[in-house]
Amino acid sequence: MKSKKTVFVLAIFLIGLVTGWWVYNYYLVLDPNPQTGQDELSEEEREKSEIAKQLGEYTVLLLGVDSPTGYRTRTDTIILATIDTETRKARLVSIPRDTRVKIKGGWDKINAAYVYGGIDLAKETVEDFLGIQIDRYAIVNFNSLVKLVDAVGGIEVDVPQRMYKPSENIDLQPGLQTLDGAGALAYSRYRGTAGGDLDRIQRQQEVIQLLVDKIISVQGLKNLPELVNLMQENVETDIPVREILALGKLASDIMANEIVSVVVPGKNEKIDGLWYYEPDLAQLEEQLRASTEQIHALASE
């Protein structure tokens, strides 16, 4: 199975926030271009404060799959997104799909939980692993996600070197260029640079930022109906519409702030003839504590 990675799961989730923001401001507000004064700003902040009181610290489990809706397969991407609605800061914890955890009392790879017990077991497994409670989930279907980049007219990327792996449909020339959906997917998946997976993670983050910038641009918002349709086709979630709209109200603030990203630390190990990603739980705890302090520091700036 081909592995489509973090970039597209995050992009779809961010589009959900952008969509909520757009709907709130341009469909639920009578004047799409209000002359905002102090009273309006104060009212907006009061509303945001009320949302923060209602939602508090909001956690969403993001799963990326390569299968039709309702069909259980191993999850290629597992991310826990935590949004502090009071400070409007967010943290993303990426869990490698081969992470060795206990599922139903036995050791297995964390990406098998969804196969064995669907979203309920996937949530339970991640909650036990990280010691947290998950509020909501979103399952992203990768099958048509290249259309996302195409819908905003592609993204401009400076490809650092020749990227060629025909078995994975990767064939990129070096240099500054506009990548379509297939090209962006190839760019974010390629592992053949000197830094391997670390380089790949950096490229994924680059594509995320470029895609979000394009989505919230005037040109990107012109394509909002198509983006909404892509969300409806490719995302299964239990987030109620009212919460999407509430998060949408905070979306511009959240995306304007620095999003703290954490990858579960660990190393690859062969156990009983199978390769696993053995997590370093002590280092993970340190990273989560440090990232929480970073969020608080950002909030005080």
Protein backbone atom coordinates (compact mmCIF):
# COMPACT_ATOMS: atom_id res chain seq x y z
CA MET A 1 0.00 0.00 0.00
CA LYS A 2 1.33 3.45 -0.84
CA SER A 3 1.87 5.72 2.14
CA LYS A 4 0.41 9.22 1.72
CA LYS A 5 1.67 11.17 4.70
CA THR A 6 1.01 13.84 7.24
CA VAL A 7 0.77 16.80 4.86
CA PHE A 8 -2.62 15.91 3.43
CA VAL A 9 -4.26 15.00 6.75
CA LEU A 10 -3.24 18.36 8.22
CA ALA A 11 -4.23 20.22 5.10
CA ILE A 12 -7.75 18.78 5.17
CA PHE A 13 -8.10 19.58 8.89
CA LEU A 14 -6.92 23.14 8.32
CA ILE A 15 -9.36 23.49 5.45
CA GLY A 16 -12.09 22.55 7.93
CA LEU A 17 -11.09 25.46 10.11
CA VAL A 18 -10.78 27.81 7.16
CA THR A 19 -14.18 26.71 5.88
CA GLY A 20 -15.76 27.35 9.25
CA TRP A 21 -14.15 30.78 9.39
CA TRP A 22 -15.38 31.61 5.87
CA VAL A 23 -18.92 30.39 6.50
CA TYR A 24 -19.13 32.32 9.74
CA ASN A 25 -17.83 35.61 8.36
CA TYR A 26 -19.27 35.57 4.85
CA TYR A 27 -22.50 33.63 5.13
CA LEU A 28 -23.69 34.14 8.71
CA VAL A 29 -22.63 37.79 8.93
CA LEU A 30 -24.76 40.13 6.84
CA ASP A 31 -21.96 42.50 5.80
CA PRO A 32 -18.96 40.60 4.36
CA ASN A 33 -16.83 43.75 4.51
CA PRO A 34 -17.79 45.48 7.74
CA GLN A 35 -16.16 48.69 8.92
CA THR A 36 -14.79 47.20 12.11
CA GLY A 37 -14.64 49.56 15.07
CA GLN A 38 -13.75 49.12 18.71
CA ASP A 39 -17.24 47.92 19.63
CA GLU A 40 -17.18 45.25 16.94
CA LEU A 41 -13.73 44.07 18.00
CA SER A 42 -14.83 43.88 21.61
CA GLU A 43 -17.92 41.89 20.65
CA GLU A 44 -15.80 39.52 18.57
CA GLU A 45 -13.38 38.96 21.44
CA ARG A 46 -16.27 38.35 23.83
CA GLU A 47 -17.61 35.73 21.45
CA LYS A 48 -14.22 34.06 21.15
CA SER A 49 -13.90 34.02 24.93
CA GLU A 50 -17.30 32.33 25.19
CA ILE A 51 -16.19 29.69 22.66
CA ALA A 52 -13.05 29.09 24.72
CA LYS A 53 -15.15 28.56 27.85
CA GLN A 54 -17.35 26.04 26.06
CA LEU A 55 -14.64 24.05 24.27
CA GLY A 56 -11.62 24.45 26.56
CA GLU A 57 -8.63 22.35 25.51
CA TYR A 58 -9.94 20.57 22.44
CA THR A 59 -8.34 17.35 21.15
CA VAL A 60 -8.94 15.78 17.75
CA LEU A 61 -7.52 12.45 16.57
CA LEU A 62 -6.61 12.71 12.88
CA LEU A 63 -6.30 9.45 10.95
CA GLY A 64 -5.21 9.07 7.34
CA VAL A 65 -6.41 5.99 5.45
CA ASP A 66 -6.19 4.77 1.87
CA SER A 67 -9.58 3.14 1.53
CA PRO A 68 -13.24 3.95 0.87
CA THR A 69 -15.34 5.32 3.72
CA GLY A 70 -16.42 2.59 6.12
CA TYR A 71 -13.70 0.13 5.08
CA ARG A 72 -11.17 -0.68 7.79
CA THR A 73 -7.52 -0.63 6.84
CA ARG A 74 -4.30 0.20 8.62
CA THR A 75 -3.93 3.91 9.26
CA ASP A 76 -1.03 5.46 7.36
CA THR A 77 -1.05 8.64 9.45
CA ILE A 78 -1.91 9.18 13.12
CA ILE A 79 -1.86 12.70 14.58
CA LEU A 80 -3.27 14.08 17.81
CA ALA A 81 -4.18 17.75 17.39
CA THR A 82 -4.65 19.70 20.62
CA ILE A 83 -6.13 23.20 20.40
CA ASP A 84 -5.96 25.53 23.36
CA THR A 85 -9.02 27.63 22.54
CA GLU A 86 -8.20 30.21 25.21
CA THR A 87 -4.73 31.09 23.86
CA ARG A 88 -5.62 30.01 20.28
CA LYS A 89 -2.50 27.86 20.08
CA ALA A 90 -2.25 24.36 18.69
CA ARG A 91 0.03 21.35 19.10
CA LEU A 92 0.32 18.40 16.76
CA VAL A 93 1.70 15.07 18.01
CA SER A 94 2.58 12.73 15.15
CA ILE A 95 2.68 9.03 16.05
CA PRO A 96 4.70 6.84 13.65
CA ARG A 97 2.42 4.15 12.26
CA ASP A 98 4.75 1.29 13.32
CA THR A 99 4.87 2.44 16.96
CA ARG A 100 4.83 -0.60 19.27
CA VAL A 101 1.91 -0.39 21.70
CA LYS A 102 -0.48 -2.70 23.48
CA ILE A 103 -3.77 -3.34 21.68
CA LYS A 104 -6.33 -5.50 23.44
CA GLY A 105 -3.63 -6.72 25.82
CA GLY A 106 -1.09 -7.75 23.17
CA TRP A 107 1.81 -5.94 21.55
CA ASP A 108 1.22 -4.71 18.02
CA LYS A 109 1.79 -1.75 15.70
CA ILE A 110 -0.46 1.18 16.53
CA ASN A 111 -1.78 1.41 12.97
CA ALA A 112 -3.49 -1.98 13.42
CA ALA A 113 -5.95 -0.67 16.03
CA TYR A 114 -8.28 0.76 13.39
CA VAL A 115 -8.38 -2.59 11.60
CA TYR A 116 -9.23 -4.52 14.75
CA GLY A 117 -11.82 -2.22 16.24
CA GLY A 118 -12.48 0.81 14.06
CA ILE A 119 -12.38 4.35 15.39
CA ASP A 120 -13.37 3.31 18.92
CA LEU A 121 -10.34 1.06 19.38
CA ALA A 122 -8.07 3.53 17.59
CA LYS A 123 -9.12 6.28 20.02
CA GLU A 124 -8.78 3.99 23.03
CA THR A 125 -5.30 2.89 21.94
CA VAL A 126 -4.03 6.44 21.43
CA GLU A 127 -5.61 7.58 24.71
CA ASP A 128 -3.86 4.77 26.61
CA PHE A 129 -0.57 5.44 24.83
CA LEU A 130 -0.48 9.20 25.45
CA GLY A 131 -2.47 9.27 28.67
CA ILE A 132 -5.04 11.75 27.37
CA GLN A 133 -8.74 11.95 26.53
CA ILE A 134 -9.76 12.50 22.90
CA ASP A 135 -12.75 14.73 22.23
CA ARG A 136 -13.33 14.18 18.50
CA TYR A 137 -11.91 12.41 15.47
CA ALA A 138 -11.50 12.98 11.75
CA ILE A 139 -10.67 10.22 9.26
CA VAL A 140 -9.20 11.43 5.98
CA ASN A 141 -9.47 9.35 2.81
CA PHE A 142 -6.36 9.84 0.65
CA ASN A 143 -7.84 8.58 -2.64
CA SER A 144 -8.69 12.00 -4.10
CA LEU A 145 -6.59 14.36 -2.01
CA VAL A 146 -4.24 15.36 -4.82
CA LYS A 147 -7.25 17.34 -6.06
CA LEU A 148 -6.77 19.60 -3.06
CA VAL A 149 -3.56 21.10 -4.42
CA ASP A 150 -5.04 21.22 -7.91
CA ALA A 151 -8.07 23.10 -6.57
CA VAL A 152 -5.87 26.02 -5.49
CA GLY A 153 -3.83 26.05 -8.69
CA GLY A 154 -0.79 24.18 -7.38
CA ILE A 155 2.02 25.33 -5.06
CA GLU A 156 5.41 26.83 -5.92
CA VAL A 157 8.33 24.76 -4.59
CA ASP A 158 12.09 24.86 -5.05
CA VAL A 159 12.93 21.17 -5.52
CA PRO A 160 16.49 20.75 -4.16
CA GLN A 161 17.56 17.77 -6.26
CA ARG A 162 16.42 15.19 -8.77
CA MET A 163 13.72 13.06 -7.19
CA TYR A 164 13.09 9.86 -9.05
CA LYS A 165 11.38 6.69 -7.88
CA PRO A 166 9.08 5.36 -10.60
CA SER A 167 7.68 2.60 -8.36
CA GLU A 168 6.04 5.36 -6.29
CA ASN A 169 5.23 7.67 -9.22
CA ILE A 170 7.94 10.13 -8.16
CA ASP A 171 9.71 11.94 -11.01
CA LEU A 172 10.69 15.54 -10.23
CA GLN A 173 13.42 17.71 -11.71
CA PRO A 174 15.36 20.15 -9.48
CA GLY A 175 14.56 23.85 -9.43
CA LEU A 176 11.81 26.35 -8.68
CA GLN A 177 8.50 25.18 -10.14
CA THR A 178 4.75 24.99 -9.59
CA LEU A 179 3.71 21.51 -8.51
CA ASP A 180 0.26 20.12 -9.15
CA GLY A 181 -1.39 17.68 -6.76
CA ALA A 182 0.51 14.64 -7.98
CA GLY A 183 3.79 16.55 -7.87
CA ALA A 184 3.18 17.84 -4.34
CA LEU A 185 2.37 14.31 -3.22
CA ALA A 186 5.60 13.02 -4.77
CA TYR A 187 7.64 15.86 -3.24
CA SER A 188 6.27 15.18 0.25
CA ARG A 189 6.83 11.41 0.03
CA TYR A 190 10.35 11.20 -1.38
CA ARG A 191 12.88 9.64 1.01
CA GLY A 192 16.03 9.61 -1.13
CA THR A 193 17.73 12.79 0.14
CA ALA A 194 20.70 12.69 2.52
CA GLY A 195 18.55 13.36 5.58
CA GLY A 196 16.05 10.61 4.78
CA ASP A 197 12.90 10.82 6.90
CA LEU A 198 13.99 14.04 8.61
CA ASP A 199 14.21 15.78 5.24
CA ARG A 200 10.86 14.30 4.28
CA ILE A 201 9.21 15.66 7.44
CA GLN A 202 10.61 19.13 6.67
CA ARG A 203 9.20 18.95 3.13
CA GLN A 204 5.83 17.91 4.48
CA GLN A 205 5.82 20.92 6.80
CA GLU A 206 6.83 23.14 3.88
CA VAL A 207 3.98 21.84 1.73
CA ILE A 208 1.51 22.31 4.60
CA GLN A 209 2.49 25.95 5.00
CA LEU A 210 2.43 26.63 1.25
CA LEU A 211 -0.96 24.96 0.92
CA VAL A 212 -2.49 26.83 3.86
CA ASP A 213 -1.13 30.13 2.50
CA LYS A 214 -2.72 29.37 -0.86
CA ILE A 215 -6.04 28.34 0.68
CA ILE A 216 -6.44 31.52 2.72
CA SER A 217 -5.39 33.72 -0.18
CA VAL A 218 -8.01 35.50 -2.26
CA GLN A 219 -7.44 33.05 -5.11
CA GLY A 220 -7.83 30.08 -2.80
CA LEU A 221 -11.04 31.36 -1.25
CA LYS A 222 -12.53 31.75 -4.71
CA ASN A 223 -12.36 27.95 -4.89
CA LEU A 224 -14.09 27.45 -1.55
CA PRO A 225 -17.08 25.48 -2.93
CA GLU A 226 -14.72 22.94 -4.52
CA LEU A 227 -12.68 22.72 -1.31
CA VAL A 228 -15.83 22.12 0.72
CA ASN A 229 -16.86 19.34 -1.66
CA LEU A 230 -13.42 17.74 -1.29
CA MET A 231 -13.85 17.79 2.48
CA GLN A 232 -17.25 16.17 2.27
CA GLU A 233 -15.94 13.46 -0.05
CA ASN A 234 -12.76 12.69 1.86
CA VAL A 235 -13.43 13.29 5.56
CA GLU A 236 -15.45 11.29 8.08
CA THR A 237 -15.78 13.05 11.45
CA ASP A 238 -17.91 13.28 14.57
CA ILE A 239 -17.30 17.02 14.98
CA PRO A 240 -20.76 18.67 15.03
CA VAL A 241 -21.41 21.57 12.69
CA ARG A 242 -21.73 23.97 15.64
CA GLU A 243 -18.24 23.04 16.81
CA ILE A 244 -16.80 23.37 13.31
CA LEU A 245 -18.26 26.88 13.14
CA ALA A 246 -16.93 27.67 16.62
CA LEU A 247 -13.44 26.46 15.68
CA GLY A 248 -13.80 28.34 12.43
CA LYS A 249 -14.30 31.53 14.39
CA LEU A 250 -10.87 30.93 15.97
CA ALA A 251 -9.24 29.60 12.80
CA SER A 252 -7.55 32.79 11.63
CA ASP A 253 -5.99 33.29 15.08
CA ILE A 254 -4.86 29.67 15.32
CA MET A 255 -3.25 29.68 11.88
CA ALA A 256 -1.61 33.06 12.50
CA ASN A 257 0.14 31.61 15.53
CA GLU A 258 3.01 29.16 15.53
CA ILE A 259 1.77 25.56 15.56
CA VAL A 260 3.97 23.43 17.82
CA SER A 261 4.79 20.05 16.25
CA VAL A 262 6.06 16.98 18.07
CA VAL A 263 7.02 13.60 16.61
CA VAL A 264 6.99 10.72 19.08
CA PRO A 265 10.70 9.96 19.66
CA GLY A 266 12.04 6.46 19.36
CA LYS A 267 13.99 4.07 17.17
CA ASN A 268 13.39 1.16 14.81
CA GLU A 269 13.90 -2.25 16.39
CA LYS A 270 13.37 -5.82 15.21
CA ILE A 271 11.35 -7.77 17.75
CA ASP A 272 10.26 -11.39 17.22
CA GLY A 273 11.15 -11.11 13.54
CA LEU A 274 9.13 -7.94 12.92
CA TRP A 275 10.27 -4.32 12.68
CA TYR A 276 8.65 -1.91 15.10
CA TYR A 277 9.14 1.71 16.08
CA GLU A 278 10.00 1.51 19.78
CA PRO A 279 8.89 4.77 21.43
CA ASP A 280 11.03 6.53 24.01
CA LEU A 281 8.31 7.37 26.51
CA ALA A 282 10.58 9.31 28.87
CA GLN A 283 11.77 11.56 26.05
CA LEU A 284 8.20 11.90 24.79
CA GLU A 285 7.09 13.13 28.21
CA GLU A 286 9.89 15.71 28.17
CA GLN A 287 8.92 16.87 24.67
CA LEU A 288 5.25 17.21 25.60
CA ARG A 289 6.16 19.21 28.70
CA ALA A 290 8.52 21.41 26.69
CA SER A 291 5.93 21.94 23.95
CA THR A 292 3.32 22.92 26.57
CA GLU A 293 5.76 25.47 27.98
CA GLN A 294 6.39 26.71 24.43
CA ILE A 295 2.67 27.19 23.85
CA HIS A 296 2.39 29.16 27.08
CA ALA A 297 5.43 31.25 26.15
CA LEU A 298 3.92 32.02 22.74
CA ALA A 299 0.65 33.00 24.41
CA SER A 300 2.40 35.55 26.62
CA GLU A 301 4.15 37.31 23.72
